[in-house]
Amino acid sequence: MDDAALRAEMEKYTFYHTIELAEGITTPGWPTIVPVVAQTLDAMRALDLRDKRVLEVGCGMGWSASRP
């Protein structure tokens, strides 16, 4: 599927999460939570979790240190 077809297909749906589908193409997410998610990710990126164990409870989609 090329970028134009992917963008056209995305128009058919409402997205809660912001997800990169292809380079430069990201689902828009739910506008109400996008700033909250960004703030949370910024706070989490500031943490040094190397060599730590982390229990993730009830966050829905999860989180990975490899995400930008």
N, C-alpha and C. Protein backbone atom coordinates (compact mmCIF):
# COMPACT_ATOMS: atom_id res chain seq x y z
N MET A 1 0.86 -1.17 0.00
CA MET A 1 0.00 0.00 0.00
C MET A 1 0.91 1.24 0.00
N ASP A 2 0.68 2.16 -0.91
CA ASP A 2 1.49 3.36 -0.94
C ASP A 2 0.98 4.38 0.08
N ASP A 3 1.74 5.46 0.28
CA ASP A 3 1.39 6.46 1.29
C ASP A 3 0.01 7.07 1.08
N ALA A 4 -0.33 7.38 -0.16
CA ALA A 4 -1.63 7.99 -0.45
C ALA A 4 -2.77 7.04 -0.09
N ALA A 5 -2.62 5.77 -0.42
CA ALA A 5 -3.65 4.78 -0.09
C ALA A 5 -3.77 4.60 1.42
N LEU A 6 -2.63 4.62 2.11
CA LEU A 6 -2.65 4.48 3.57
C LEU A 6 -3.35 5.67 4.21
N ARG A 7 -3.03 6.87 3.75
CA ARG A 7 -3.70 8.07 4.29
C ARG A 7 -5.20 8.03 4.01
N ALA A 8 -5.59 7.60 2.83
CA ALA A 8 -7.01 7.50 2.48
C ALA A 8 -7.71 6.48 3.38
N GLU A 9 -7.05 5.37 3.64
CA GLU A 9 -7.62 4.34 4.50
C GLU A 9 -7.77 4.85 5.93
N MET A 10 -6.81 5.62 6.40
CA MET A 10 -6.87 6.18 7.76
C MET A 10 -8.07 7.09 7.95
N GLU A 11 -8.49 7.76 6.89
CA GLU A 11 -9.63 8.68 6.97
C GLU A 11 -10.92 7.97 7.38
N LYS A 12 -10.97 6.66 7.19
CA LYS A 12 -12.17 5.89 7.50
C LYS A 12 -12.34 5.60 8.99
N TYR A 13 -11.28 5.86 9.77
CA TYR A 13 -11.28 5.43 11.17
C TYR A 13 -11.00 6.58 12.13
N THR A 14 -11.39 6.36 13.37
CA THR A 14 -11.04 7.26 14.46
C THR A 14 -10.00 6.54 15.30
N PHE A 15 -8.94 7.22 15.65
CA PHE A 15 -7.85 6.60 16.38
C PHE A 15 -7.74 7.19 17.78
N TYR A 16 -7.67 6.32 18.77
CA TYR A 16 -7.45 6.75 20.15
C TYR A 16 -5.96 6.99 20.38
N HIS A 17 -5.14 6.08 19.90
CA HIS A 17 -3.70 6.16 20.10
C HIS A 17 -3.01 6.82 18.90
N THR A 18 -1.85 7.37 19.15
CA THR A 18 -1.01 7.91 18.10
C THR A 18 0.04 6.84 17.78
N ILE A 19 -0.03 6.30 16.57
CA ILE A 19 0.83 5.18 16.19
C ILE A 19 1.47 5.48 14.84
N GLU A 20 2.78 5.31 14.75
CA GLU A 20 3.46 5.49 13.47
C GLU A 20 3.22 4.24 12.62
N LEU A 21 2.54 4.42 11.50
CA LEU A 21 2.23 3.31 10.61
C LEU A 21 3.30 3.11 9.55
N ALA A 22 3.90 4.20 9.14
CA ALA A 22 4.98 4.20 8.16
C ALA A 22 5.78 5.47 8.41
N GLU A 23 6.96 5.55 7.86
CA GLU A 23 7.77 6.74 8.08
C GLU A 23 7.00 7.98 7.62
N GLY A 24 6.79 8.90 8.57
CA GLY A 24 6.08 10.14 8.26
C GLY A 24 4.56 10.04 8.28
N ILE A 25 4.02 8.86 8.55
CA ILE A 25 2.56 8.69 8.59
C ILE A 25 2.19 8.16 9.98
N THR A 26 1.48 8.99 10.72
CA THR A 26 1.11 8.66 12.09
C THR A 26 -0.39 8.85 12.27
N THR A 27 -1.00 7.93 12.99
CA THR A 27 -2.42 8.11 13.29
C THR A 27 -2.57 9.36 14.15
N PRO A 28 -3.67 10.10 14.00
CA PRO A 28 -3.79 11.37 14.70
C PRO A 28 -4.02 11.25 16.21
N GLY A 29 -4.52 10.13 16.65
CA GLY A 29 -4.82 10.01 18.07
C GLY A 29 -6.07 10.80 18.44
N TRP A 30 -6.48 10.63 19.67
CA TRP A 30 -7.66 11.34 20.18
C TRP A 30 -7.18 12.70 20.69
N PRO A 31 -7.61 13.80 20.10
CA PRO A 31 -7.06 15.12 20.42
C PRO A 31 -7.05 15.47 21.91
N THR A 32 -8.01 14.95 22.65
CA THR A 32 -8.08 15.27 24.07
C THR A 32 -6.91 14.68 24.85
N ILE A 33 -6.43 13.51 24.45
CA ILE A 33 -5.37 12.87 25.23
C ILE A 33 -3.97 13.04 24.65
N VAL A 34 -3.85 13.53 23.42
CA VAL A 34 -2.53 13.66 22.80
C VAL A 34 -1.58 14.49 23.69
N PRO A 35 -1.99 15.65 24.24
CA PRO A 35 -1.07 16.40 25.10
C PRO A 35 -0.71 15.66 26.39
N VAL A 36 -1.65 14.94 26.95
CA VAL A 36 -1.40 14.19 28.18
C VAL A 36 -0.41 13.06 27.92
N VAL A 37 -0.58 12.36 26.81
CA VAL A 37 0.34 11.29 26.45
C VAL A 37 1.74 11.86 26.22
N ALA A 38 1.83 12.98 25.52
CA ALA A 38 3.13 13.61 25.26
C ALA A 38 3.82 14.00 26.57
N GLN A 39 3.07 14.56 27.49
CA GLN A 39 3.62 14.96 28.78
C GLN A 39 4.11 13.74 29.56
N THR A 40 3.34 12.67 29.54
CA THR A 40 3.71 11.45 30.24
C THR A 40 4.97 10.84 29.63
N LEU A 41 5.03 10.77 28.30
CA LEU A 41 6.21 10.22 27.63
C LEU A 41 7.46 11.06 27.92
N ASP A 42 7.31 12.37 27.94
CA ASP A 42 8.45 13.23 28.27
C ASP A 42 8.97 12.93 29.68
N ALA A 43 8.06 12.77 30.63
CA ALA A 43 8.45 12.45 32.01
C ALA A 43 9.13 11.09 32.08
N MET A 44 8.61 10.12 31.34
CA MET A 44 9.19 8.77 31.36
C MET A 44 10.57 8.74 30.70
N ARG A 45 10.75 9.54 29.66
CA ARG A 45 12.06 9.57 28.98
C ARG A 45 13.15 10.13 29.90
N ALA A 46 12.76 10.94 30.87
CA ALA A 46 13.73 11.52 31.79
C ALA A 46 14.21 10.51 32.83
N LEU A 47 13.54 9.39 32.96
CA LEU A 47 13.90 8.38 33.95
C LEU A 47 14.98 7.45 33.40
N ASP A 48 15.92 7.10 34.25
CA ASP A 48 16.93 6.11 33.87
C ASP A 48 16.44 4.75 34.36
N LEU A 49 15.92 3.95 33.46
CA LEU A 49 15.36 2.65 33.83
C LEU A 49 16.30 1.50 33.49
N ARG A 50 17.53 1.82 33.08
CA ARG A 50 18.49 0.75 32.79
C ARG A 50 18.72 -0.10 34.03
N ASP A 51 18.75 -1.40 33.82
CA ASP A 51 18.97 -2.37 34.90
C ASP A 51 17.89 -2.32 35.97
N LYS A 52 16.71 -1.84 35.62
CA LYS A 52 15.59 -1.78 36.55
C LYS A 52 14.50 -2.73 36.07
N ARG A 53 13.70 -3.18 37.00
CA ARG A 53 12.50 -3.93 36.66
C ARG A 53 11.33 -2.98 36.84
N VAL A 54 10.42 -3.00 35.87
CA VAL A 54 9.29 -2.08 35.91
C VAL A 54 8.01 -2.88 35.76
N LEU A 55 7.07 -2.65 36.65
CA LEU A 55 5.77 -3.28 36.55
C LEU A 55 4.80 -2.28 35.96
N GLU A 56 4.25 -2.64 34.83
CA GLU A 56 3.28 -1.78 34.15
C GLU A 56 1.89 -2.34 34.42
N VAL A 57 1.04 -1.54 35.01
CA VAL A 57 -0.29 -2.01 35.38
C VAL A 57 -1.34 -1.10 34.77
N GLY A 58 -2.20 -1.67 33.95
CA GLY A 58 -3.39 -0.95 33.45
C GLY A 58 -3.13 0.23 32.55
N CYS A 59 -2.08 0.21 31.77
CA CYS A 59 -1.87 1.38 30.92
C CYS A 59 -2.38 1.16 29.50
N GLY A 60 -3.00 0.04 29.24
CA GLY A 60 -3.67 -0.14 27.94
C GLY A 60 -2.75 -0.60 26.84
N MET A 61 -2.03 0.32 26.21
CA MET A 61 -1.24 -0.04 25.05
C MET A 61 0.20 -0.36 25.39
N GLY A 62 0.62 -0.09 26.58
CA GLY A 62 2.01 -0.33 26.94
C GLY A 62 2.92 0.79 26.52
N TRP A 63 4.19 0.64 26.87
CA TRP A 63 5.18 1.64 26.53
C TRP A 63 6.51 0.95 26.36
N SER A 64 7.33 1.45 25.50
CA SER A 64 8.62 0.85 25.27
C SER A 64 9.67 1.95 25.23
N ALA A 65 10.79 1.71 25.87
CA ALA A 65 11.88 2.70 25.86
C ALA A 65 12.42 2.94 24.47
N SER A 66 12.11 2.04 23.53
CA SER A 66 12.61 2.21 22.17
C SER A 66 11.77 3.18 21.35
N ARG A 67 10.62 3.56 21.87
CA ARG A 67 9.80 4.53 21.12
C ARG A 67 10.43 5.90 21.17
N PRO A 68 10.25 6.69 20.12
CA PRO A 68 10.86 8.04 20.10
C PRO A 68 10.24 8.96 21.13
